[in-house]
């Protein structure tokens, strides 16, 4: 599979500017040549590389330049060099624009989940140090403990599950909850995510069930957050999402 690298910063920029199509074409152009330079380019020559009209090519080239992803000099088109960025993400190059957009959006989903996981690890370490007789607690950790209402409350707040609701996924991309749900399904179908259903036992009225509650083997259960495994993470380090 052909792979290319993309800075996390410009993926976030594409989301902020709603420029996913432009980012897709930028990625496809980067995959063409190792030096990332198109000598004596024209909108028609770029259009041929991308399989789009020269009008579309001209629009997206202008947008790449505006966003700082490309520059022109003496009739040549220079694409952004990744060396200036700290976080570079490898990504597969897909044949269709829609698949490429979903793969790029998956970067932000994983980044959100990994950030949550880091916070969980940090909280766990702070609680562990605070409970030790000679545990080392920094001033910033003490401030965090006080802000959390004490060690006991901080410990209660720790969960081994990271979560993202369909609504939250939609919000990340400035879309609706329904679109967030559809995006998660697309990622799963493309092999970018693995999901497992999650249910909890509940008490309630069999004749007036809530939307997420149903009867399973004679018991009432409520559909909760699904467990979600990004493909690049092993199940032993699972991440979870709705």
C-alpha atoms as a PDB file:
ATOM      1  CA  UNK A   1       0.000   0.000   0.000  1.00  0.00           C
ATOM      2  CA  UNK A   2       1.295   3.435  -0.956  1.00  0.00           C
ATOM      3  CA  UNK A   3       1.746   5.650   2.090  1.00  0.00           C
ATOM      4  CA  UNK A   4       2.455   9.338   2.558  1.00  0.00           C
ATOM      5  CA  UNK A   5       3.067  11.491   5.623  1.00  0.00           C
ATOM      6  CA  UNK A   6       1.090  14.511   6.737  1.00  0.00           C
ATOM      7  CA  UNK A   7       1.681  16.973   9.610  1.00  0.00           C
ATOM      8  CA  UNK A   8      -1.016  16.808  12.292  1.00  0.00           C
ATOM      9  CA  UNK A   9      -1.080  20.615  12.290  1.00  0.00           C
ATOM     10  CA  UNK A  10      -2.320  20.882   8.704  1.00  0.00           C
ATOM     11  CA  UNK A  11      -4.939  18.156   9.273  1.00  0.00           C
ATOM     12  CA  UNK A  12      -6.283  20.347  12.084  1.00  0.00           C
ATOM     13  CA  UNK A  13      -6.040  23.347   9.762  1.00  0.00           C
ATOM     14  CA  UNK A  14      -8.028  21.535   7.059  1.00  0.00           C
ATOM     15  CA  UNK A  15     -10.732  20.776   9.618  1.00  0.00           C
ATOM     16  CA  UNK A  16     -10.820  24.363  10.844  1.00  0.00           C
ATOM     17  CA  UNK A  17     -10.983  25.778   7.306  1.00  0.00           C
ATOM     18  CA  UNK A  18     -13.290  23.018   5.974  1.00  0.00           C
ATOM     19  CA  UNK A  19     -10.690  22.291   3.301  1.00  0.00           C
ATOM     20  CA  UNK A  20     -10.725  18.488   3.258  1.00  0.00           C
ATOM     21  CA  UNK A  21     -10.920  18.228  -0.545  1.00  0.00           C
ATOM     22  CA  UNK A  22      -7.916  20.521  -0.882  1.00  0.00           C
ATOM     23  CA  UNK A  23      -5.971  18.411   1.626  1.00  0.00           C
ATOM     24  CA  UNK A  24      -6.831  15.253  -0.324  1.00  0.00           C
ATOM     25  CA  UNK A  25      -5.464  16.753  -3.549  1.00  0.00           C
ATOM     26  CA  UNK A  26      -2.412  18.011  -1.676  1.00  0.00           C
ATOM     27  CA  UNK A  27      -1.768  14.464  -0.371  1.00  0.00           C
ATOM     28  CA  UNK A  28      -2.225  12.956  -3.814  1.00  0.00           C
ATOM     29  CA  UNK A  29       0.214  15.435  -5.355  1.00  0.00           C
ATOM     30  CA  UNK A  30       2.762  14.706  -2.618  1.00  0.00           C
ATOM     31  CA  UNK A  31       2.547  11.008  -3.462  1.00  0.00           C
ATOM     32  CA  UNK A  32       3.547  11.669  -7.105  1.00  0.00           C
ATOM     33  CA  UNK A  33       7.162  12.759  -6.709  1.00  0.00           C
ATOM     34  CA  UNK A  34       9.766  12.297  -3.996  1.00  0.00           C
ATOM     35  CA  UNK A  35      10.998  15.915  -4.239  1.00  0.00           C
ATOM     36  CA  UNK A  36       7.452  17.308  -4.062  1.00  0.00           C
ATOM     37  CA  UNK A  37       8.204  19.750  -6.895  1.00  0.00           C
ATOM     38  CA  UNK A  38       6.212  20.240 -10.100  1.00  0.00           C
ATOM     39  CA  UNK A  39       8.396  22.042 -12.634  1.00  0.00           C
ATOM     40  CA  UNK A  40       6.786  24.413 -15.149  1.00  0.00           C
ATOM     41  CA  UNK A  41       3.374  23.415 -13.883  1.00  0.00           C
ATOM     42  CA  UNK A  42       0.022  24.537 -15.269  1.00  0.00           C
ATOM     43  CA  UNK A  43      -3.466  24.025 -13.895  1.00  0.00           C
ATOM     44  CA  UNK A  44      -4.032  21.550 -16.734  1.00  0.00           C
ATOM     45  CA  UNK A  45      -0.937  19.471 -15.898  1.00  0.00           C
ATOM     46  CA  UNK A  46      -1.944  19.358 -12.229  1.00  0.00           C
ATOM     47  CA  UNK A  47      -5.495  18.462 -13.266  1.00  0.00           C
ATOM     48  CA  UNK A  48      -4.144  15.474 -15.186  1.00  0.00           C
ATOM     49  CA  UNK A  49      -2.283  14.235 -12.105  1.00  0.00           C
ATOM     50  CA  UNK A  50      -5.421  14.532  -9.972  1.00  0.00           C
ATOM     51  CA  UNK A  51      -8.069  13.454 -12.473  1.00  0.00           C
ATOM     52  CA  UNK A  52     -10.082  16.654 -12.085  1.00  0.00           C
ATOM     53  CA  UNK A  53     -10.885  19.642 -14.287  1.00  0.00           C
ATOM     54  CA  UNK A  54      -8.300  22.401 -14.760  1.00  0.00           C
ATOM     55  CA  UNK A  55     -10.754  24.836 -13.125  1.00  0.00           C
ATOM     56  CA  UNK A  56     -10.881  22.684 -10.000  1.00  0.00           C
ATOM     57  CA  UNK A  57      -7.110  22.238 -10.068  1.00  0.00           C
ATOM     58  CA  UNK A  58      -6.560  25.994 -10.270  1.00  0.00           C
ATOM     59  CA  UNK A  59      -8.942  26.586  -7.342  1.00  0.00           C
ATOM     60  CA  UNK A  60      -7.261  24.028  -5.086  1.00  0.00           C
ATOM     61  CA  UNK A  61      -3.719  25.147  -6.000  1.00  0.00           C
ATOM     62  CA  UNK A  62      -4.648  28.690  -5.005  1.00  0.00           C
ATOM     63  CA  UNK A  63      -6.108  27.386  -1.760  1.00  0.00           C
ATOM     64  CA  UNK A  64      -2.992  25.323  -0.979  1.00  0.00           C
ATOM     65  CA  UNK A  65      -0.882  28.443  -1.427  1.00  0.00           C
ATOM     66  CA  UNK A  66      -3.244  30.496   0.746  1.00  0.00           C
ATOM     67  CA  UNK A  67      -3.119  27.890   3.519  1.00  0.00           C
ATOM     68  CA  UNK A  68       0.675  27.725   3.353  1.00  0.00           C
ATOM     69  CA  UNK A  69       0.873  24.173   2.013  1.00  0.00           C
ATOM     70  CA  UNK A  70       2.514  25.177  -1.265  1.00  0.00           C
ATOM     71  CA  UNK A  71       4.453  28.001  -2.919  1.00  0.00           C
ATOM     72  CA  UNK A  72       5.272  28.951  -6.494  1.00  0.00           C
ATOM     73  CA  UNK A  73       8.561  30.199  -7.835  1.00  0.00           C
ATOM     74  CA  UNK A  74       9.627  30.778 -11.466  1.00  0.00           C
ATOM     75  CA  UNK A  75       6.696  28.748 -12.751  1.00  0.00           C
ATOM     76  CA  UNK A  76       7.347  25.794 -10.430  1.00  0.00           C
ATOM     77  CA  UNK A  77       5.015  24.474  -7.714  1.00  0.00           C
ATOM     78  CA  UNK A  78       6.698  23.537  -4.406  1.00  0.00           C
ATOM     79  CA  UNK A  79       4.726  21.512  -1.863  1.00  0.00           C
ATOM     80  CA  UNK A  80       5.144  21.889   1.906  1.00  0.00           C
ATOM     81  CA  UNK A  81       8.201  20.246   3.484  1.00  0.00           C
ATOM     82  CA  UNK A  82       7.335  18.193   6.585  1.00  0.00           C
ATOM     83  CA  UNK A  83      10.680  18.874   8.297  1.00  0.00           C
ATOM     84  CA  UNK A  84       9.401  22.065   9.927  1.00  0.00           C
ATOM     85  CA  UNK A  85       6.666  20.185  11.837  1.00  0.00           C
ATOM     86  CA  UNK A  86       7.023  18.063  14.973  1.00  0.00           C
ATOM     87  CA  UNK A  87       4.156  15.582  14.655  1.00  0.00           C
ATOM     88  CA  UNK A  88       4.110  13.803  11.307  1.00  0.00           C
ATOM     89  CA  UNK A  89       1.447  11.131  10.724  1.00  0.00           C
ATOM     90  CA  UNK A  90       1.849   8.332   8.127  1.00  0.00           C
ATOM     91  CA  UNK A  91      -1.316   7.718   6.138  1.00  0.00           C
ATOM     92  CA  UNK A  92      -2.372   5.376   3.350  1.00  0.00           C
ATOM     93  CA  UNK A  93      -3.110   6.856  -0.069  1.00  0.00           C
ATOM     94  CA  UNK A  94      -6.580   5.833  -1.287  1.00  0.00           C
ATOM     95  CA  UNK A  95      -8.048   5.819  -4.783  1.00  0.00           C
ATOM     96  CA  UNK A  96     -11.238   7.743  -4.014  1.00  0.00           C
ATOM     97  CA  UNK A  97     -11.586  11.207  -2.524  1.00  0.00           C
ATOM     98  CA  UNK A  98     -14.205  10.111   0.018  1.00  0.00           C
ATOM     99  CA  UNK A  99     -12.016   7.327   1.405  1.00  0.00           C
ATOM    100  CA  UNK A 100      -9.069   9.705   1.650  1.00  0.00           C
ATOM    101  CA  UNK A 101     -11.158  12.280   3.541  1.00  0.00           C
ATOM    102  CA  UNK A 102     -12.340   9.605   6.015  1.00  0.00           C
ATOM    103  CA  UNK A 103      -8.747   8.406   6.542  1.00  0.00           C
ATOM    104  CA  UNK A 104      -7.580  11.970   7.199  1.00  0.00           C
ATOM    105  CA  UNK A 105     -10.432  12.597   9.649  1.00  0.00           C
ATOM    106  CA  UNK A 106      -9.497   9.371  11.416  1.00  0.00           C
ATOM    107  CA  UNK A 107      -6.225  11.065  12.392  1.00  0.00           C
ATOM    108  CA  UNK A 108      -8.138  13.598  14.506  1.00  0.00           C
ATOM    109  CA  UNK A 109     -10.311  10.889  16.084  1.00  0.00           C
ATOM    110  CA  UNK A 110      -7.250   8.898  17.132  1.00  0.00           C
ATOM    111  CA  UNK A 111      -5.475  12.022  18.350  1.00  0.00           C
ATOM    112  CA  UNK A 112      -8.457  12.845  20.589  1.00  0.00           C
ATOM    113  CA  UNK A 113      -8.527   9.323  22.023  1.00  0.00           C
ATOM    114  CA  UNK A 114      -4.786   9.227  22.642  1.00  0.00           C
ATOM    115  CA  UNK A 115      -4.997  12.578  24.444  1.00  0.00           C
ATOM    116  CA  UNK A 116      -7.678  11.132  26.709  1.00  0.00           C
ATOM    117  CA  UNK A 117      -5.513   8.081  27.355  1.00  0.00           C
ATOM    118  CA  UNK A 118      -2.568  10.292  28.378  1.00  0.00           C
ATOM    119  CA  UNK A 119      -4.808  12.129  30.862  1.00  0.00           C
ATOM    120  CA  UNK A 120      -5.969   8.827  32.357  1.00  0.00           C
ATOM    121  CA  UNK A 121      -2.359   7.683  32.777  1.00  0.00           C
ATOM    122  CA  UNK A 122      -1.429  11.012  34.354  1.00  0.00           C
ATOM    123  CA  UNK A 123      -4.332  10.885  36.843  1.00  0.00           C
ATOM    124  CA  UNK A 124      -3.497   7.291  37.775  1.00  0.00           C
ATOM    125  CA  UNK A 125       0.144   8.181  38.396  1.00  0.00           C
ATOM    126  CA  UNK A 126      -0.760  11.203  40.543  1.00  0.00           C
ATOM    127  CA  UNK A 127      -3.133   9.122  42.691  1.00  0.00           C
ATOM    128  CA  UNK A 128      -0.522   6.361  43.005  1.00  0.00           C
ATOM    129  CA  UNK A 129       2.159   8.824  44.148  1.00  0.00           C
ATOM    130  CA  UNK A 130      -0.235  10.539  46.577  1.00  0.00           C
ATOM    131  CA  UNK A 131      -1.117   7.226  48.227  1.00  0.00           C
ATOM    132  CA  UNK A 132       2.511   6.207  48.758  1.00  0.00           C
ATOM    133  CA  UNK A 133       4.158   6.980  52.102  1.00  0.00           C
ATOM    134  CA  UNK A 134       7.102   8.618  50.362  1.00  0.00           C
ATOM    135  CA  UNK A 135       5.477   9.414  47.058  1.00  0.00           C
ATOM    136  CA  UNK A 136       6.834  12.443  45.219  1.00  0.00           C
ATOM    137  CA  UNK A 137       4.170  15.056  44.488  1.00  0.00           C
ATOM    138  CA  UNK A 138       5.007  18.141  42.448  1.00  0.00           C
ATOM    139  CA  UNK A 139       3.424  21.544  43.052  1.00  0.00           C
ATOM    140  CA  UNK A 140       1.457  21.233  39.805  1.00  0.00           C
ATOM    141  CA  UNK A 141       0.182  17.781  40.868  1.00  0.00           C
ATOM    142  CA  UNK A 142      -0.881  19.147  44.267  1.00  0.00           C
ATOM    143  CA  UNK A 143      -2.746  21.950  42.521  1.00  0.00           C
ATOM    144  CA  UNK A 144      -4.436  19.388  40.248  1.00  0.00           C
ATOM    145  CA  UNK A 145      -5.454  17.293  43.275  1.00  0.00           C
ATOM    146  CA  UNK A 146      -6.975  20.310  45.048  1.00  0.00           C
ATOM    147  CA  UNK A 147      -8.821  21.326  41.873  1.00  0.00           C
ATOM    148  CA  UNK A 148     -10.232  17.784  41.639  1.00  0.00           C
ATOM    149  CA  UNK A 149     -11.572  17.935  45.202  1.00  0.00           C
ATOM    150  CA  UNK A 150      -8.951  15.722  46.815  1.00  0.00           C
ATOM    151  CA  UNK A 151      -7.268  12.398  46.108  1.00  0.00           C
ATOM    152  CA  UNK A 152     -10.422  10.341  46.771  1.00  0.00           C
ATOM    153  CA  UNK A 153     -12.485  12.323  44.256  1.00  0.00           C
ATOM    154  CA  UNK A 154      -9.670  12.231  41.725  1.00  0.00           C
ATOM    155  CA  UNK A 155      -9.441   8.455  42.050  1.00  0.00           C
ATOM    156  CA  UNK A 156     -13.201   8.089  41.549  1.00  0.00           C
ATOM    157  CA  UNK A 157     -13.013  10.152  38.369  1.00  0.00           C
ATOM    158  CA  UNK A 158     -10.492   7.785  36.763  1.00  0.00           C
ATOM    159  CA  UNK A 159     -11.877   5.398  34.160  1.00  0.00           C
ATOM    160  CA  UNK A 160     -10.027   2.879  32.008  1.00  0.00           C
ATOM    161  CA  UNK A 161     -12.216   3.795  29.046  1.00  0.00           C
ATOM    162  CA  UNK A 162     -11.819   6.723  26.671  1.00  0.00           C
ATOM    163  CA  UNK A 163     -15.062   7.788  25.009  1.00  0.00           C
ATOM    164  CA  UNK A 164     -16.366   9.854  22.123  1.00  0.00           C
ATOM    165  CA  UNK A 165     -20.089  10.032  21.456  1.00  0.00           C
ATOM    166  CA  UNK A 166     -21.465  10.306  17.932  1.00  0.00           C
ATOM    167  CA  UNK A 167     -22.494  13.824  18.880  1.00  0.00           C
ATOM    168  CA  UNK A 168     -18.934  14.671  19.921  1.00  0.00           C
ATOM    169  CA  UNK A 169     -17.493  13.204  16.717  1.00  0.00           C
ATOM    170  CA  UNK A 170     -19.916  15.370  14.761  1.00  0.00           C
ATOM    171  CA  UNK A 171     -18.874  18.422  16.798  1.00  0.00           C
ATOM    172  CA  UNK A 172     -15.185  17.795  16.090  1.00  0.00           C
ATOM    173  CA  UNK A 173     -15.909  18.157  12.381  1.00  0.00           C
ATOM    174  CA  UNK A 174     -18.637  20.808  12.788  1.00  0.00           C
ATOM    175  CA  UNK A 175     -21.313  18.329  11.741  1.00  0.00           C
ATOM    176  CA  UNK A 176     -24.439  16.732  13.201  1.00  0.00           C
ATOM    177  CA  UNK A 177     -24.668  13.699  15.504  1.00  0.00           C
ATOM    178  CA  UNK A 178     -26.051  11.660  12.599  1.00  0.00           C
ATOM    179  CA  UNK A 179     -23.085  12.563  10.414  1.00  0.00           C
ATOM    180  CA  UNK A 180     -20.759  11.693  13.288  1.00  0.00           C
ATOM    181  CA  UNK A 181     -22.371   8.247  13.497  1.00  0.00           C
ATOM    182  CA  UNK A 182     -22.045   7.727   9.748  1.00  0.00           C
ATOM    183  CA  UNK A 183     -18.389   8.754   9.831  1.00  0.00           C
ATOM    184  CA  UNK A 184     -17.629   6.224  12.571  1.00  0.00           C
ATOM    185  CA  UNK A 185     -19.298   3.477  10.500  1.00  0.00           C
ATOM    186  CA  UNK A 186     -17.247   4.461   7.433  1.00  0.00           C
ATOM    187  CA  UNK A 187     -14.029   4.261   9.453  1.00  0.00           C
ATOM    188  CA  UNK A 188     -15.035   0.836  10.723  1.00  0.00           C
ATOM    189  CA  UNK A 189     -15.883  -0.402   7.205  1.00  0.00           C
ATOM    190  CA  UNK A 190     -12.531   0.850   5.912  1.00  0.00           C
ATOM    191  CA  UNK A 191     -10.684  -1.068   8.608  1.00  0.00           C
ATOM    192  CA  UNK A 192      -9.559   2.054  10.468  1.00  0.00           C
ATOM    193  CA  UNK A 193     -11.508   1.189  13.641  1.00  0.00           C
ATOM    194  CA  UNK A 194     -12.769  -1.938  15.382  1.00  0.00           C
ATOM    195  CA  UNK A 195     -15.886  -1.643  17.550  1.00  0.00           C
ATOM    196  CA  UNK A 196     -17.452  -3.849  20.199  1.00  0.00           C
ATOM    197  CA  UNK A 197     -20.879  -3.228  21.732  1.00  0.00           C
ATOM    198  CA  UNK A 198     -21.142  -2.392  25.415  1.00  0.00           C
ATOM    199  CA  UNK A 199     -24.231  -2.953  27.618  1.00  0.00           C
ATOM    200  CA  UNK A 200     -25.044  -2.493  31.299  1.00  0.00           C
ATOM    201  CA  UNK A 201     -27.785  -4.126  33.423  1.00  0.00           C
ATOM    202  CA  UNK A 202     -30.478  -1.694  34.592  1.00  0.00           C
ATOM    203  CA  UNK A 203     -33.680  -1.649  36.622  1.00  0.00           C
ATOM    204  CA  UNK A 204     -36.791  -0.206  35.044  1.00  0.00           C
ATOM    205  CA  UNK A 205     -40.354  -0.554  33.818  1.00  0.00           C
ATOM    206  CA  UNK A 206     -40.707  -3.207  31.098  1.00  0.00           C
ATOM    207  CA  UNK A 207     -43.670  -1.317  29.638  1.00  0.00           C
ATOM    208  CA  UNK A 208     -42.057   2.129  29.505  1.00  0.00           C
ATOM    209  CA  UNK A 209     -38.550   1.542  28.225  1.00  0.00           C
ATOM    210  CA  UNK A 210     -36.121   4.336  27.469  1.00  0.00           C
ATOM    211  CA  UNK A 211     -34.753   4.574  23.889  1.00  0.00           C
ATOM    212  CA  UNK A 212     -31.467   2.792  24.706  1.00  0.00           C
ATOM    213  CA  UNK A 213     -32.996   0.138  26.998  1.00  0.00           C
ATOM    214  CA  UNK A 214     -34.216  -3.270  25.811  1.00  0.00           C
ATOM    215  CA  UNK A 215     -34.818  -6.803  27.100  1.00  0.00           C
ATOM    216  CA  UNK A 216     -31.926  -9.265  26.773  1.00  0.00           C
ATOM    217  CA  UNK A 217     -32.348 -12.835  28.083  1.00  0.00           C
ATOM    218  CA  UNK A 218     -35.100 -11.702  30.398  1.00  0.00           C
ATOM    219  CA  UNK A 219     -33.157  -8.754  31.814  1.00  0.00           C
ATOM    220  CA  UNK A 220     -33.209  -5.062  31.039  1.00  0.00           C
ATOM    221  CA  UNK A 221     -29.989  -3.767  29.576  1.00  0.00           C
ATOM    222  CA  UNK A 222     -28.968  -0.312  28.421  1.00  0.00           C
ATOM    223  CA  UNK A 223     -26.825   0.276  25.378  1.00  0.00           C
ATOM    224  CA  UNK A 224     -23.758   2.215  26.459  1.00  0.00           C
ATOM    225  CA  UNK A 225     -20.568   3.341  24.822  1.00  0.00           C
ATOM    226  CA  UNK A 226     -19.062   0.998  22.255  1.00  0.00           C
ATOM    227  CA  UNK A 227     -15.503  -0.165  22.752  1.00  0.00           C
ATOM    228  CA  UNK A 228     -13.410   1.109  19.871  1.00  0.00           C
ATOM    229  CA  UNK A 229      -9.948  -0.084  18.867  1.00  0.00           C
ATOM    230  CA  UNK A 230      -7.924   2.019  16.412  1.00  0.00           C
ATOM    231  CA  UNK A 231      -6.142  -0.415  14.113  1.00  0.00           C
ATOM    232  CA  UNK A 232      -2.728   1.034  15.001  1.00  0.00           C
ATOM    233  CA  UNK A 233      -3.297   0.223  18.701  1.00  0.00           C
ATOM    234  CA  UNK A 234      -3.285  -3.296  20.137  1.00  0.00           C
ATOM    235  CA  UNK A 235      -6.290  -4.492  22.106  1.00  0.00           C
ATOM    236  CA  UNK A 236      -4.129  -4.655  25.218  1.00  0.00           C
ATOM    237  CA  UNK A 237      -4.016  -0.847  24.996  1.00  0.00           C
ATOM    238  CA  UNK A 238      -7.613  -0.455  23.866  1.00  0.00           C
ATOM    239  CA  UNK A 239      -9.405   2.807  23.355  1.00  0.00           C
ATOM    240  CA  UNK A 240     -13.140   3.150  23.611  1.00  0.00           C
ATOM    241  CA  UNK A 241     -15.754   5.312  21.945  1.00  0.00           C
ATOM    242  CA  UNK A 242     -19.475   5.524  21.233  1.00  0.00           C
END
